[in-house]
PDB file of N, CA and C in Angstrom:
ATOM      1  N   MET A   1      45.971  46.108   2.555  1.00  0.00           N
ATOM      2  CA  MET A   1      44.987  45.070   2.362  1.00  0.00           C
ATOM      3  C   MET A   1      45.682  43.871   1.731  1.00  0.00           C
ATOM      4  N   TYR A   2      45.456  42.704   2.275  1.00  0.00           N
ATOM      5  CA  TYR A   2      46.081  41.498   1.760  1.00  0.00           C
ATOM      6  C   TYR A   2      45.249  40.879   0.658  1.00  0.00           C
ATOM      7  N   ARG A   3      45.883  40.249  -0.282  1.00  0.00           N
ATOM      8  CA  ARG A   3      45.236  39.621  -1.441  1.00  0.00           C
ATOM      9  C   ARG A   3      45.811  38.241  -1.686  1.00  0.00           C
ATOM     10  N   ILE A   4      45.091  37.435  -2.465  1.00  0.00           N
ATOM     11  CA  ILE A   4      45.592  36.148  -2.916  1.00  0.00           C
ATOM     12  C   ILE A   4      46.397  36.407  -4.182  1.00  0.00           C
ATOM     13  N   GLU A   5      47.635  35.968  -4.179  1.00  0.00           N
ATOM     14  CA  GLU A   5      48.480  36.166  -5.353  1.00  0.00           C
ATOM     15  C   GLU A   5      49.332  34.926  -5.556  1.00  0.00           C
ATOM     16  N   ASP A   6      49.233  34.321  -6.724  1.00  0.00           N
ATOM     17  CA  ASP A   6      49.973  33.099  -7.032  1.00  0.00           C
ATOM     18  C   ASP A   6      49.729  32.017  -5.989  1.00  0.00           C
ATOM     19  N   GLY A   7      48.481  31.927  -5.514  1.00  0.00           N
ATOM     20  CA  GLY A   7      48.110  30.906  -4.550  1.00  0.00           C
ATOM     21  C   GLY A   7      48.495  31.216  -3.123  1.00  0.00           C
ATOM     22  N   ASN A   8      49.074  32.389  -2.867  1.00  0.00           N
ATOM     23  CA  ASN A   8      49.493  32.773  -1.522  1.00  0.00           C
ATOM     24  C   ASN A   8      48.826  34.071  -1.105  1.00  0.00           C
ATOM     25  N   LEU A   9      48.665  34.211   0.195  1.00  0.00           N
ATOM     26  CA  LEU A   9      48.100  35.441   0.733  1.00  0.00           C
ATOM     27  C   LEU A   9      49.241  36.417   0.972  1.00  0.00           C
ATOM     28  N   ASN A  10      49.266  37.513   0.216  1.00  0.00           N
ATOM     29  CA  ASN A  10      50.317  38.504   0.395  1.00  0.00           C
ATOM     30  C   ASN A  10      49.959  39.803  -0.299  1.00  0.00           C
ATOM     31  N   GLY A  11      50.820  40.779  -0.155  1.00  0.00           N
ATOM     32  CA  GLY A  11      50.641  42.044  -0.857  1.00  0.00           C
ATOM     33  C   GLY A  11      49.844  43.069  -0.078  1.00  0.00           C
ATOM     34  N   TYR A  12      49.802  44.245  -0.594  1.00  0.00           N
ATOM     35  CA  TYR A  12      49.022  45.346  -0.039  1.00  0.00           C
ATOM     36  C   TYR A  12      48.637  46.253  -1.186  1.00  0.00           C
ATOM     37  N   GLY A  13      47.404  46.693  -1.218  1.00  0.00           N
ATOM     38  CA  GLY A  13      46.979  47.625  -2.253  1.00  0.00           C
ATOM     39  C   GLY A  13      45.881  47.067  -3.124  1.00  0.00           C
ATOM     40  N   GLY A  14      45.838  47.469  -4.391  1.00  0.00           N
ATOM     41  CA  GLY A  14      44.769  47.129  -5.318  1.00  0.00           C
ATOM     42  C   GLY A  14      44.665  45.660  -5.662  1.00  0.00           C
ATOM     43  N   ASN A  15      43.623  45.316  -6.419  1.00  0.00           N
ATOM     44  CA  ASN A  15      43.381  43.929  -6.805  1.00  0.00           C
ATOM     45  C   ASN A  15      44.591  43.339  -7.517  1.00  0.00           C
ATOM     46  N   ARG A  16      44.883  42.092  -7.179  1.00  0.00           N
ATOM     47  CA  ARG A  16      45.984  41.361  -7.784  1.00  0.00           C
ATOM     48  C   ARG A  16      45.432  40.337  -8.751  1.00  0.00           C
ATOM     49  N   LYS A  17      46.239  39.824  -9.593  1.00  0.00           N
ATOM     50  CA  LYS A  17      45.836  38.782 -10.531  1.00  0.00           C
ATOM     51  C   LYS A  17      46.313  37.436 -10.004  1.00  0.00           C
ATOM     52  N   HIS A  18      45.682  36.358 -10.486  1.00  0.00           N
ATOM     53  CA  HIS A  18      45.996  35.017 -10.009  1.00  0.00           C
ATOM     54  C   HIS A  18      46.344  34.127 -11.194  1.00  0.00           C
ATOM     55  N   GLY A  19      47.344  33.307 -11.015  1.00  0.00           N
ATOM     56  CA  GLY A  19      47.725  32.415 -12.101  1.00  0.00           C
ATOM     57  C   GLY A  19      47.821  30.982 -11.641  1.00  0.00           C
ATOM     58  N   GLY A  20      47.917  30.077 -12.606  1.00  0.00           N
ATOM     59  CA  GLY A  20      48.174  28.701 -12.296  1.00  0.00           C
ATOM     60  C   GLY A  20      46.977  27.811 -12.071  1.00  0.00           C
ATOM     61  N   SER A  21      45.777  28.275 -12.338  1.00  0.00           N
ATOM     62  CA  SER A  21      44.621  27.406 -12.173  1.00  0.00           C
ATOM     63  C   SER A  21      43.568  27.728 -13.236  1.00  0.00           C
ATOM     64  N   SER A  22      42.546  26.891 -13.287  1.00  0.00           N
ATOM     65  CA  SER A  22      41.493  27.095 -14.284  1.00  0.00           C
ATOM     66  C   SER A  22      40.124  27.140 -13.624  1.00  0.00           C
ATOM     67  N   CYS A  23      39.163  27.692 -14.332  1.00  0.00           N
ATOM     68  CA  CYS A  23      37.796  27.860 -13.850  1.00  0.00           C
ATOM     69  C   CYS A  23      37.123  26.500 -13.678  1.00  0.00           C
ATOM     70  N   GLU A  24      36.374  26.342 -12.588  1.00  0.00           N
ATOM     71  CA  GLU A  24      35.635  25.103 -12.325  1.00  0.00           C
ATOM     72  C   GLU A  24      34.536  24.865 -13.346  1.00  0.00           C
ATOM     73  N   VAL A  25      34.004  25.928 -13.950  1.00  0.00           N
ATOM     74  CA  VAL A  25      32.867  25.822 -14.866  1.00  0.00           C
ATOM     75  C   VAL A  25      33.306  25.717 -16.324  1.00  0.00           C
ATOM     76  N   CYS A  26      34.104  26.670 -16.789  1.00  0.00           N
ATOM     77  CA  CYS A  26      34.438  26.720 -18.220  1.00  0.00           C
ATOM     78  C   CYS A  26      35.880  26.300 -18.533  1.00  0.00           C
ATOM     79  N   GLN A  27      36.679  26.006 -17.506  1.00  0.00           N
ATOM     80  CA  GLN A  27      38.074  25.582 -17.633  1.00  0.00           C
ATOM     81  C   GLN A  27      39.004  26.633 -18.245  1.00  0.00           C
ATOM     82  N   SER A  28      38.555  27.882 -18.327  1.00  0.00           N
ATOM     83  CA  SER A  28      39.432  28.963 -18.799  1.00  0.00           C
ATOM     84  C   SER A  28      40.469  29.270 -17.726  1.00  0.00           C
ATOM     85  N   SER A  29      41.590  29.799 -18.151  1.00  0.00           N
ATOM     86  CA  SER A  29      42.643  30.173 -17.220  1.00  0.00           C
ATOM     87  C   SER A  29      42.169  31.292 -16.300  1.00  0.00           C
ATOM     88  N   LEU A  30      42.567  31.202 -15.026  1.00  0.00           N
ATOM     89  CA  LEU A  30      42.253  32.262 -14.063  1.00  0.00           C
ATOM     90  C   LEU A  30      43.410  33.243 -13.909  1.00  0.00           C
ATOM     91  N   SER A  31      44.393  33.151 -14.799  1.00  0.00           N
ATOM     92  CA  SER A  31      45.586  33.994 -14.692  1.00  0.00           C
ATOM     93  C   SER A  31      45.277  35.482 -14.798  1.00  0.00           C
ATOM     94  N   THR A  32      44.180  35.845 -15.441  1.00  0.00           N
ATOM     95  CA  THR A  32      43.816  37.265 -15.513  1.00  0.00           C
ATOM     96  C   THR A  32      42.568  37.557 -14.680  1.00  0.00           C
ATOM     97  N   GLY A  33      42.142  36.581 -13.857  1.00  0.00           N
ATOM     98  CA  GLY A  33      40.993  36.789 -12.968  1.00  0.00           C
ATOM     99  C   GLY A  33      41.378  37.623 -11.761  1.00  0.00           C
ATOM    100  N   THR A  34      40.399  38.237 -11.145  1.00  0.00           N
ATOM    101  CA  THR A  34      40.634  39.059  -9.962  1.00  0.00           C
ATOM    102  C   THR A  34      40.311  38.259  -8.711  1.00  0.00           C
ATOM    103  N   SER A  35      41.206  38.318  -7.716  1.00  0.00           N
ATOM    104  CA  SER A  35      41.048  37.588  -6.458  1.00  0.00           C
ATOM    105  C   SER A  35      40.411  38.474  -5.399  1.00  0.00           C
ATOM    106  N   TYR A  36      39.561  37.869  -4.577  1.00  0.00           N
ATOM    107  CA  TYR A  36      38.900  38.574  -3.475  1.00  0.00           C
ATOM    108  C   TYR A  36      39.036  37.766  -2.201  1.00  0.00           C
ATOM    109  N   LEU A  37      39.336  38.428  -1.088  1.00  0.00           N
ATOM    110  CA  LEU A  37      39.374  37.797   0.219  1.00  0.00           C
ATOM    111  C   LEU A  37      37.969  37.718   0.789  1.00  0.00           C
ATOM    112  N   PRO A  38      37.769  36.897   1.847  1.00  0.00           N
ATOM    113  CA  PRO A  38      36.437  36.820   2.453  1.00  0.00           C
ATOM    114  C   PRO A  38      35.914  38.201   2.849  1.00  0.00           C
ATOM    115  N   TYR A  39      34.689  38.468   2.506  1.00  0.00           N
ATOM    116  CA  TYR A  39      33.954  39.702   2.797  1.00  0.00           C
ATOM    117  C   TYR A  39      34.534  40.949   2.140  1.00  0.00           C
ATOM    118  N   GLU A  40      35.488  40.803   1.253  1.00  0.00           N
ATOM    119  CA  GLU A  40      36.091  41.962   0.595  1.00  0.00           C
ATOM    120  C   GLU A  40      35.085  42.712  -0.275  1.00  0.00           C
ATOM    121  N   ASP A  41      34.199  41.964  -0.957  1.00  0.00           N
ATOM    122  CA  ASP A  41      33.202  42.646  -1.786  1.00  0.00           C
ATOM    123  C   ASP A  41      31.902  42.868  -1.030  1.00  0.00           C
ATOM    124  N   GLY A  42      31.903  42.587   0.288  1.00  0.00           N
ATOM    125  CA  GLY A  42      30.752  42.869   1.135  1.00  0.00           C
ATOM    126  C   GLY A  42      29.870  41.681   1.454  1.00  0.00           C
ATOM    127  N   SER A  43      29.857  40.641   0.620  1.00  0.00           N
ATOM    128  CA  SER A  43      28.938  39.541   0.866  1.00  0.00           C
ATOM    129  C   SER A  43      29.565  38.156   0.715  1.00  0.00           C
ATOM    130  N   ASN A  44      30.790  38.069   0.277  1.00  0.00           N
ATOM    131  CA  ASN A  44      31.402  36.758   0.069  1.00  0.00           C
ATOM    132  C   ASN A  44      31.995  36.223   1.370  1.00  0.00           C
ATOM    133  N   SER A  45      31.599  35.008   1.768  1.00  0.00           N
ATOM    134  CA  SER A  45      32.122  34.423   3.000  1.00  0.00           C
ATOM    135  C   SER A  45      33.411  33.638   2.775  1.00  0.00           C
ATOM    136  N   HIS A  46      33.799  33.438   1.529  1.00  0.00           N
ATOM    137  CA  HIS A  46      35.036  32.743   1.181  1.00  0.00           C
ATOM    138  C   HIS A  46      35.837  33.573   0.190  1.00  0.00           C
ATOM    139  N   ALA A  47      37.145  33.321   0.172  1.00  0.00           N
ATOM    140  CA  ALA A  47      37.983  33.930  -0.855  1.00  0.00           C
ATOM    141  C   ALA A  47      37.626  33.299  -2.196  1.00  0.00           C
ATOM    142  N   TYR A  48      37.702  34.074  -3.260  1.00  0.00           N
ATOM    143  CA  TYR A  48      37.425  33.525  -4.587  1.00  0.00           C
ATOM    144  C   TYR A  48      38.165  34.286  -5.660  1.00  0.00           C
ATOM    145  N   ILE A  49      38.262  33.643  -6.824  1.00  0.00           N
ATOM    146  CA  ILE A  49      38.836  34.265  -8.011  1.00  0.00           C
ATOM    147  C   ILE A  49      37.724  34.326  -9.038  1.00  0.00           C
ATOM    148  N   SER A  50      37.441  35.500  -9.529  1.00  0.00           N
ATOM    149  CA  SER A  50      36.401  35.685 -10.538  1.00  0.00           C
ATOM    150  C   SER A  50      36.950  35.326 -11.907  1.00  0.00           C
ATOM    151  N   CYS A  51      36.266  34.396 -12.591  1.00  0.00           N
ATOM    152  CA  CYS A  51      36.708  33.973 -13.919  1.00  0.00           C
ATOM    153  C   CYS A  51      36.520  35.110 -14.921  1.00  0.00           C
ATOM    154  N   PRO A  52      37.565  35.464 -15.674  1.00  0.00           N
ATOM    155  CA  PRO A  52      37.451  36.537 -16.652  1.00  0.00           C
ATOM    156  C   PRO A  52      36.586  36.159 -17.859  1.00  0.00           C
ATOM    157  N   SER A  53      36.351  34.865 -18.068  1.00  0.00           N
ATOM    158  CA  SER A  53      35.559  34.423 -19.223  1.00  0.00           C
ATOM    159  C   SER A  53      34.074  34.301 -18.916  1.00  0.00           C
ATOM    160  N   CYS A  54      33.725  33.578 -17.845  1.00  0.00           N
ATOM    161  CA  CYS A  54      32.304  33.331 -17.561  1.00  0.00           C
ATOM    162  C   CYS A  54      31.794  34.033 -16.313  1.00  0.00           C
ATOM    163  N   GLY A  55      32.704  34.594 -15.496  1.00  0.00           N
ATOM    164  CA  GLY A  55      32.300  35.319 -14.296  1.00  0.00           C
ATOM    165  C   GLY A  55      32.077  34.451 -13.065  1.00  0.00           C
ATOM    166  N   HIS A  56      32.256  33.140 -13.198  1.00  0.00           N
ATOM    167  CA  HIS A  56      32.056  32.245 -12.052  1.00  0.00           C
ATOM    168  C   HIS A  56      33.022  32.594 -10.931  1.00  0.00           C
ATOM    169  N   GLU A  57      32.523  32.548  -9.690  1.00  0.00           N
ATOM    170  CA  GLU A  57      33.355  32.801  -8.520  1.00  0.00           C
ATOM    171  C   GLU A  57      33.966  31.482  -8.063  1.00  0.00           C
ATOM    172  N   ASN A  58      35.225  31.267  -8.392  1.00  0.00           N
ATOM    173  CA  ASN A  58      35.952  30.046  -8.048  1.00  0.00           C
ATOM    174  C   ASN A  58      36.463  30.164  -6.619  1.00  0.00           C
ATOM    175  N   ILE A  59      35.835  29.412  -5.701  1.00  0.00           N
ATOM    176  CA  ILE A  59      36.133  29.492  -4.275  1.00  0.00           C
ATOM    177  C   ILE A  59      37.550  29.002  -3.996  1.00  0.00           C
ATOM    178  N   ARG A  60      38.244  29.716  -3.116  1.00  0.00           N
ATOM    179  CA  ARG A  60      39.572  29.345  -2.643  1.00  0.00           C
ATOM    180  C   ARG A  60      39.486  29.285  -1.127  1.00  0.00           C
ATOM    181  N   TYR A  61      39.833  28.156  -0.540  1.00  0.00           N
ATOM    182  CA  TYR A  61      39.749  27.958   0.901  1.00  0.00           C
ATOM    183  C   TYR A  61      41.086  28.214   1.567  1.00  0.00           C
ATOM    184  N   GLY A  62      41.048  28.475   2.877  1.00  0.00           N
ATOM    185  CA  GLY A  62      42.277  28.652   3.654  1.00  0.00           C
ATOM    186  C   GLY A  62      42.772  30.081   3.708  1.00  0.00           C
ATOM    187  N   PHE A  63      41.895  31.062   3.490  1.00  0.00           N
ATOM    188  CA  PHE A  63      42.307  32.464   3.505  1.00  0.00           C
ATOM    189  C   PHE A  63      41.550  33.266   4.548  1.00  0.00           C
ATOM    190  N   GLY A  64      41.288  32.658   5.748  1.00  0.00           N
ATOM    191  CA  GLY A  64      40.708  33.390   6.852  1.00  0.00           C
ATOM    192  C   GLY A  64      39.210  33.262   7.037  1.00  0.00           C
ATOM    193  N   GLU A  65      38.545  32.494   6.181  1.00  0.00           N
ATOM    194  CA  GLU A  65      37.111  32.327   6.377  1.00  0.00           C
ATOM    195  C   GLU A  65      36.869  31.432   7.576  1.00  0.00           C
ATOM    196  N   ASP A  66      35.679  31.521   8.163  1.00  0.00           N
ATOM    197  CA  ASP A  66      35.342  30.705   9.346  1.00  0.00           C
ATOM    198  C   ASP A  66      35.057  29.287   8.972  1.00  0.00           C
TER     199      ASP A  66
END
């Protein structure tokens, strides 16, 4: 299974962490947030990184969504 890692689509296996950006809502670092590809959690149409502080789903485009 491919994941978003360090801004790139790569890897295989369990959830990866993402670094280098901040949450759109609370500006906390997303370095310990979990990344999800489109439809990975069953209902998300876009890739996103879940903020570890506020839980906001920070959308990431360009990862296979329509």
